[in-house]
C-alpha atoms as a PDB file:
ATOM      1  CA  MET A   1       0.003   0.002   0.006  1.00  0.00           C
ATOM      2  CA  LYS A   2       2.912   2.341   0.774  1.00  0.00           C
ATOM      3  CA  ASN A   3       4.376   1.869  -2.721  1.00  0.00           C
ATOM      4  CA  LEU A   4       1.014   2.576  -4.321  1.00  0.00           C
ATOM      5  CA  LYS A   5       0.871   5.873  -2.380  1.00  0.00           C
ATOM      6  CA  TYR A   6       4.303   6.930  -3.776  1.00  0.00           C
ATOM      7  CA  LEU A   7       3.331   5.827  -7.291  1.00  0.00           C
ATOM      8  CA  PHE A   8       0.165   7.983  -7.061  1.00  0.00           C
ATOM      9  CA  ILE A   9       2.094  11.017  -5.779  1.00  0.00           C
ATOM     10  CA  SER A  10       4.650  10.607  -8.588  1.00  0.00           C
ATOM     11  CA  LEU A  11       1.938  10.406 -11.255  1.00  0.00           C
ATOM     12  CA  LEU A  12       0.277  13.518  -9.877  1.00  0.00           C
ATOM     13  CA  ALA A  13       3.595  15.418  -9.967  1.00  0.00           C
ATOM     14  CA  VAL A  14       4.210  14.408 -13.621  1.00  0.00           C
ATOM     15  CA  PHE A  15       0.658  15.302 -14.562  1.00  0.00           C
ATOM     16  CA  PHE A  16       0.927  18.731 -12.858  1.00  0.00           C
ATOM     17  CA  VAL A  17       4.241  19.618 -14.530  1.00  0.00           C
ATOM     18  CA  ALA A  18       3.052  18.373 -17.932  1.00  0.00           C
ATOM     19  CA  CYS A  19      -0.094  20.464 -17.832  1.00  0.00           C
ATOM     20  CA  GLU A  20       1.581  23.650 -16.638  1.00  0.00           C
ATOM     21  CA  ASP A  21       3.354  24.388 -19.992  1.00  0.00           C
ATOM     22  CA  ASP A  22       0.126  24.038 -21.988  1.00  0.00           C
ATOM     23  CA  PHE A  23      -1.363  27.120 -20.339  1.00  0.00           C
ATOM     24  CA  GLU A  24       1.679  29.386 -20.817  1.00  0.00           C
ATOM     25  CA  THR A  25       2.195  29.133 -24.582  1.00  0.00           C
ATOM     26  CA  PRO A  26      -0.392  27.394 -26.740  1.00  0.00           C
ATOM     27  CA  ASN A  27       1.032  25.386 -29.636  1.00  0.00           C
ATOM     28  CA  VAL A  28       0.625  26.883 -33.102  1.00  0.00           C
ATOM     29  CA  THR A  29       0.928  24.348 -35.899  1.00  0.00           C
ATOM     30  CA  GLU A  30       0.443  26.546 -38.937  1.00  0.00           C
ATOM     31  CA  PRO A  31       0.714  30.189 -39.905  1.00  0.00           C
ATOM     32  CA  VAL A  32      -2.198  32.217 -38.657  1.00  0.00           C
ATOM     33  CA  GLN A  33      -3.649  35.039 -40.685  1.00  0.00           C
ATOM     34  CA  GLY A  34      -5.023  38.162 -39.105  1.00  0.00           C
ATOM     35  CA  THR A  35      -6.086  41.747 -39.528  1.00  0.00           C
ATOM     36  CA  ALA A  36      -3.627  44.448 -38.389  1.00  0.00           C
ATOM     37  CA  PRO A  37      -4.750  47.227 -36.072  1.00  0.00           C
ATOM     38  CA  VAL A  38      -5.487  50.534 -37.773  1.00  0.00           C
ATOM     39  CA  LEU A  39      -4.441  53.699 -35.977  1.00  0.00           C
ATOM     40  CA  ALA A  40      -7.243  56.296 -35.833  1.00  0.00           C
ATOM     41  CA  GLU A  41      -6.422  59.309 -37.926  1.00  0.00           C
ATOM     42  CA  ILE A  42      -4.498  62.021 -36.105  1.00  0.00           C
ATOM     43  CA  THR A  43      -5.912  65.265 -37.420  1.00  0.00           C
ATOM     44  CA  GLU A  44      -3.205  67.592 -36.132  1.00  0.00           C
ATOM     45  CA  ASN A  45       0.527  67.736 -36.029  1.00  0.00           C
ATOM     46  CA  VAL A  46       1.952  67.748 -32.539  1.00  0.00           C
ATOM     47  CA  ASP A  47       4.650  70.383 -32.203  1.00  0.00           C
ATOM     48  CA  LEU A  48       6.091  70.624 -28.760  1.00  0.00           C
ATOM     49  CA  VAL A  49       9.175  70.997 -26.664  1.00  0.00           C
ATOM     50  CA  LEU A  50       9.671  68.203 -24.083  1.00  0.00           C
ATOM     51  CA  GLU A  51      10.233  70.068 -20.818  1.00  0.00           C
ATOM     52  CA  LYS A  52      10.662  68.413 -17.411  1.00  0.00           C
ATOM     53  CA  LYS A  53       8.138  70.753 -15.829  1.00  0.00           C
ATOM     54  CA  ASN A  54       5.432  69.402 -18.265  1.00  0.00           C
ATOM     55  CA  GLU A  55       6.264  65.720 -17.890  1.00  0.00           C
ATOM     56  CA  LYS A  56       2.801  64.734 -16.661  1.00  0.00           C
ATOM     57  CA  GLU A  57       0.951  66.499 -19.461  1.00  0.00           C
ATOM     58  CA  THR A  58      -0.715  64.337 -22.099  1.00  0.00           C
ATOM     59  CA  ILE A  59       0.603  65.005 -25.566  1.00  0.00           C
ATOM     60  CA  ILE A  60      -1.962  62.917 -27.417  1.00  0.00           C
ATOM     61  CA  GLU A  61      -4.443  60.047 -26.893  1.00  0.00           C
ATOM     62  CA  LEU A  62      -3.974  57.336 -29.505  1.00  0.00           C
ATOM     63  CA  SER A  63      -6.651  54.821 -30.409  1.00  0.00           C
ATOM     64  CA  TRP A  64      -6.777  52.030 -32.921  1.00  0.00           C
ATOM     65  CA  SER A  65      -8.941  49.152 -34.110  1.00  0.00           C
ATOM     66  CA  ALA A  66      -8.505  45.780 -32.491  1.00  0.00           C
ATOM     67  CA  ALA A  67      -6.233  43.272 -34.268  1.00  0.00           C
ATOM     68  CA  THR A  68      -7.872  39.974 -35.121  1.00  0.00           C
ATOM     69  CA  TYR A  69      -6.245  36.598 -35.399  1.00  0.00           C
ATOM     70  CA  ALA A  70      -7.968  33.429 -36.603  1.00  0.00           C
ATOM     71  CA  ASP A  71      -7.897  32.054 -33.065  1.00  0.00           C
ATOM     72  CA  PRO A  72      -9.257  34.012 -30.071  1.00  0.00           C
ATOM     73  CA  ILE A  73      -5.952  34.672 -28.377  1.00  0.00           C
ATOM     74  CA  GLY A  74      -4.714  37.457 -26.137  1.00  0.00           C
ATOM     75  CA  VAL A  75      -3.362  40.274 -28.291  1.00  0.00           C
ATOM     76  CA  ARG A  76      -0.937  42.873 -26.920  1.00  0.00           C
ATOM     77  CA  TYR A  77      -0.181  46.150 -28.594  1.00  0.00           C
ATOM     78  CA  TYR A  78       3.007  48.184 -28.753  1.00  0.00           C
ATOM     79  CA  VAL A  79       3.076  51.868 -29.745  1.00  0.00           C
ATOM     80  CA  GLN A  80       6.182  52.291 -31.894  1.00  0.00           C
ATOM     81  CA  ILE A  81       7.982  55.630 -32.546  1.00  0.00           C
ATOM     82  CA  ASP A  82      10.629  56.225 -35.211  1.00  0.00           C
ATOM     83  CA  THR A  83      12.145  59.028 -37.245  1.00  0.00           C
ATOM     84  CA  VAL A  84       9.998  60.055 -40.219  1.00  0.00           C
ATOM     85  CA  GLY A  85      11.148  58.201 -43.338  1.00  0.00           C
ATOM     86  CA  ASN A  86      13.039  55.445 -41.437  1.00  0.00           C
ATOM     87  CA  GLU A  87      10.192  52.971 -42.127  1.00  0.00           C
ATOM     88  CA  PHE A  88      10.355  51.676 -38.480  1.00  0.00           C
ATOM     89  CA  LYS A  89      13.655  49.828 -39.147  1.00  0.00           C
ATOM     90  CA  ASN A  90      14.878  50.800 -35.708  1.00  0.00           C
ATOM     91  CA  ALA A  91      11.646  51.665 -33.867  1.00  0.00           C
ATOM     92  CA  LEU A  92      11.381  52.491 -30.164  1.00  0.00           C
ATOM     93  CA  GLU A  93       8.479  50.936 -28.305  1.00  0.00           C
ATOM     94  CA  PHE A  94       6.392  51.962 -25.344  1.00  0.00           C
ATOM     95  CA  ASP A  95       5.419  49.237 -22.856  1.00  0.00           C
ATOM     96  CA  ARG A  96       2.769  46.868 -24.148  1.00  0.00           C
ATOM     97  CA  VAL A  97      -0.908  47.443 -23.559  1.00  0.00           C
ATOM     98  CA  SER A  98      -3.911  45.169 -24.012  1.00  0.00           C
ATOM     99  CA  GLU A  99      -6.392  48.012 -24.620  1.00  0.00           C
ATOM    100  CA  THR A 100      -6.910  49.755 -27.927  1.00  0.00           C
ATOM    101  CA  THR A 101      -6.148  53.206 -26.564  1.00  0.00           C
ATOM    102  CA  THR A 102      -3.219  54.803 -24.757  1.00  0.00           C
ATOM    103  CA  LEU A 103      -2.110  58.231 -23.581  1.00  0.00           C
ATOM    104  CA  ILE A 104       1.349  59.521 -24.530  1.00  0.00           C
ATOM    105  CA  THR A 105       2.736  61.954 -21.951  1.00  0.00           C
ATOM    106  CA  VAL A 106       5.630  64.384 -22.275  1.00  0.00           C
ATOM    107  CA  GLY A 107       7.603  62.396 -19.640  1.00  0.00           C
ATOM    108  CA  GLY A 108       6.875  59.052 -21.290  1.00  0.00           C
ATOM    109  CA  LEU A 109       7.981  60.240 -24.735  1.00  0.00           C
ATOM    110  CA  ASN A 110      11.023  61.991 -23.318  1.00  0.00           C
ATOM    111  CA  THR A 111      12.128  58.834 -21.479  1.00  0.00           C
ATOM    112  CA  LEU A 112      11.661  56.700 -24.584  1.00  0.00           C
ATOM    113  CA  ILE A 113      13.564  58.895 -27.011  1.00  0.00           C
ATOM    114  CA  SER A 114      16.248  60.361 -24.709  1.00  0.00           C
ATOM    115  CA  ASP A 115      18.908  57.721 -25.537  1.00  0.00           C
ATOM    116  CA  ARG A 116      18.525  58.096 -29.288  1.00  0.00           C
ATOM    117  CA  TYR A 117      18.122  61.826 -29.905  1.00  0.00           C
ATOM    118  CA  ALA A 118      20.312  64.599 -28.614  1.00  0.00           C
ATOM    119  CA  PRO A 119      18.694  67.138 -26.264  1.00  0.00           C
ATOM    120  CA  ALA A 120      17.511  70.336 -27.888  1.00  0.00           C
ATOM    121  CA  LYS A 121      17.530  68.725 -31.314  1.00  0.00           C
ATOM    122  CA  GLN A 122      14.378  68.986 -33.409  1.00  0.00           C
ATOM    123  CA  VAL A 123      13.213  65.680 -34.851  1.00  0.00           C
ATOM    124  CA  GLU A 124      10.134  64.579 -36.762  1.00  0.00           C
ATOM    125  CA  LEU A 125       8.652  61.360 -35.423  1.00  0.00           C
ATOM    126  CA  GLU A 126       5.943  59.041 -36.685  1.00  0.00           C
ATOM    127  CA  VAL A 127       3.944  56.451 -34.824  1.00  0.00           C
ATOM    128  CA  ARG A 128       2.401  53.077 -35.552  1.00  0.00           C
ATOM    129  CA  ILE A 129       0.808  50.210 -33.655  1.00  0.00           C
ATOM    130  CA  ARG A 130       2.288  46.691 -33.582  1.00  0.00           C
ATOM    131  CA  ALA A 131       0.038  43.801 -32.529  1.00  0.00           C
ATOM    132  CA  PHE A 132       1.636  40.747 -30.944  1.00  0.00           C
ATOM    133  CA  ALA A 133       0.035  37.604 -29.615  1.00  0.00           C
ATOM    134  CA  ASN A 134       2.540  34.733 -29.478  1.00  0.00           C
ATOM    135  CA  GLU A 135       6.189  34.101 -30.364  1.00  0.00           C
ATOM    136  CA  ASP A 136       5.064  31.598 -33.001  1.00  0.00           C
ATOM    137  CA  LEU A 137       2.791  34.096 -34.793  1.00  0.00           C
ATOM    138  CA  ASP A 138       3.722  36.989 -37.052  1.00  0.00           C
ATOM    139  CA  ASN A 139       3.334  40.531 -35.823  1.00  0.00           C
ATOM    140  CA  LEU A 140       0.571  42.592 -37.387  1.00  0.00           C
END
C-alpha cells in the first residue's frame, strides 16, 4: 500500500508539470492570418518641446482598431515611434498594452527617445501600432 501511495504522488507530480506548460504558450501548428490594427487618424501635427516641468501632461491620446487573429488569443499592442522616413527599421516601443487606446505623456515620450536623440535637437517622429500575440505568430 505504501508503494502505491508513492506511485500515485509521482503520477500527480508528472501530470501537474506536464499540464503547466500548456497554459503558458499554446502550440501553433500553422501560420495564422489576421487583420492588423489601424491607428485612428491624427488630425493635427503635434509640435512641442519636451520640458521636465510638463512631464505629466498628455501629448496625445492614441486609439486604434483591435487586431484579429484566426484564433481567439490574447493580443498585446506596442506603440512604436521612429524618425519620419526610417520605415520603422529601428523603432522604439512603449510598454505593451492590451487596450486599444493609450495616452502619450511628455515624460513618457522623453524617457523613450532620450537615448537616441540629442537634447535640444528638433526631430520629426511618426507612430504606428504593432500587434503581438505569441512568439510563434507573425506581428501585425
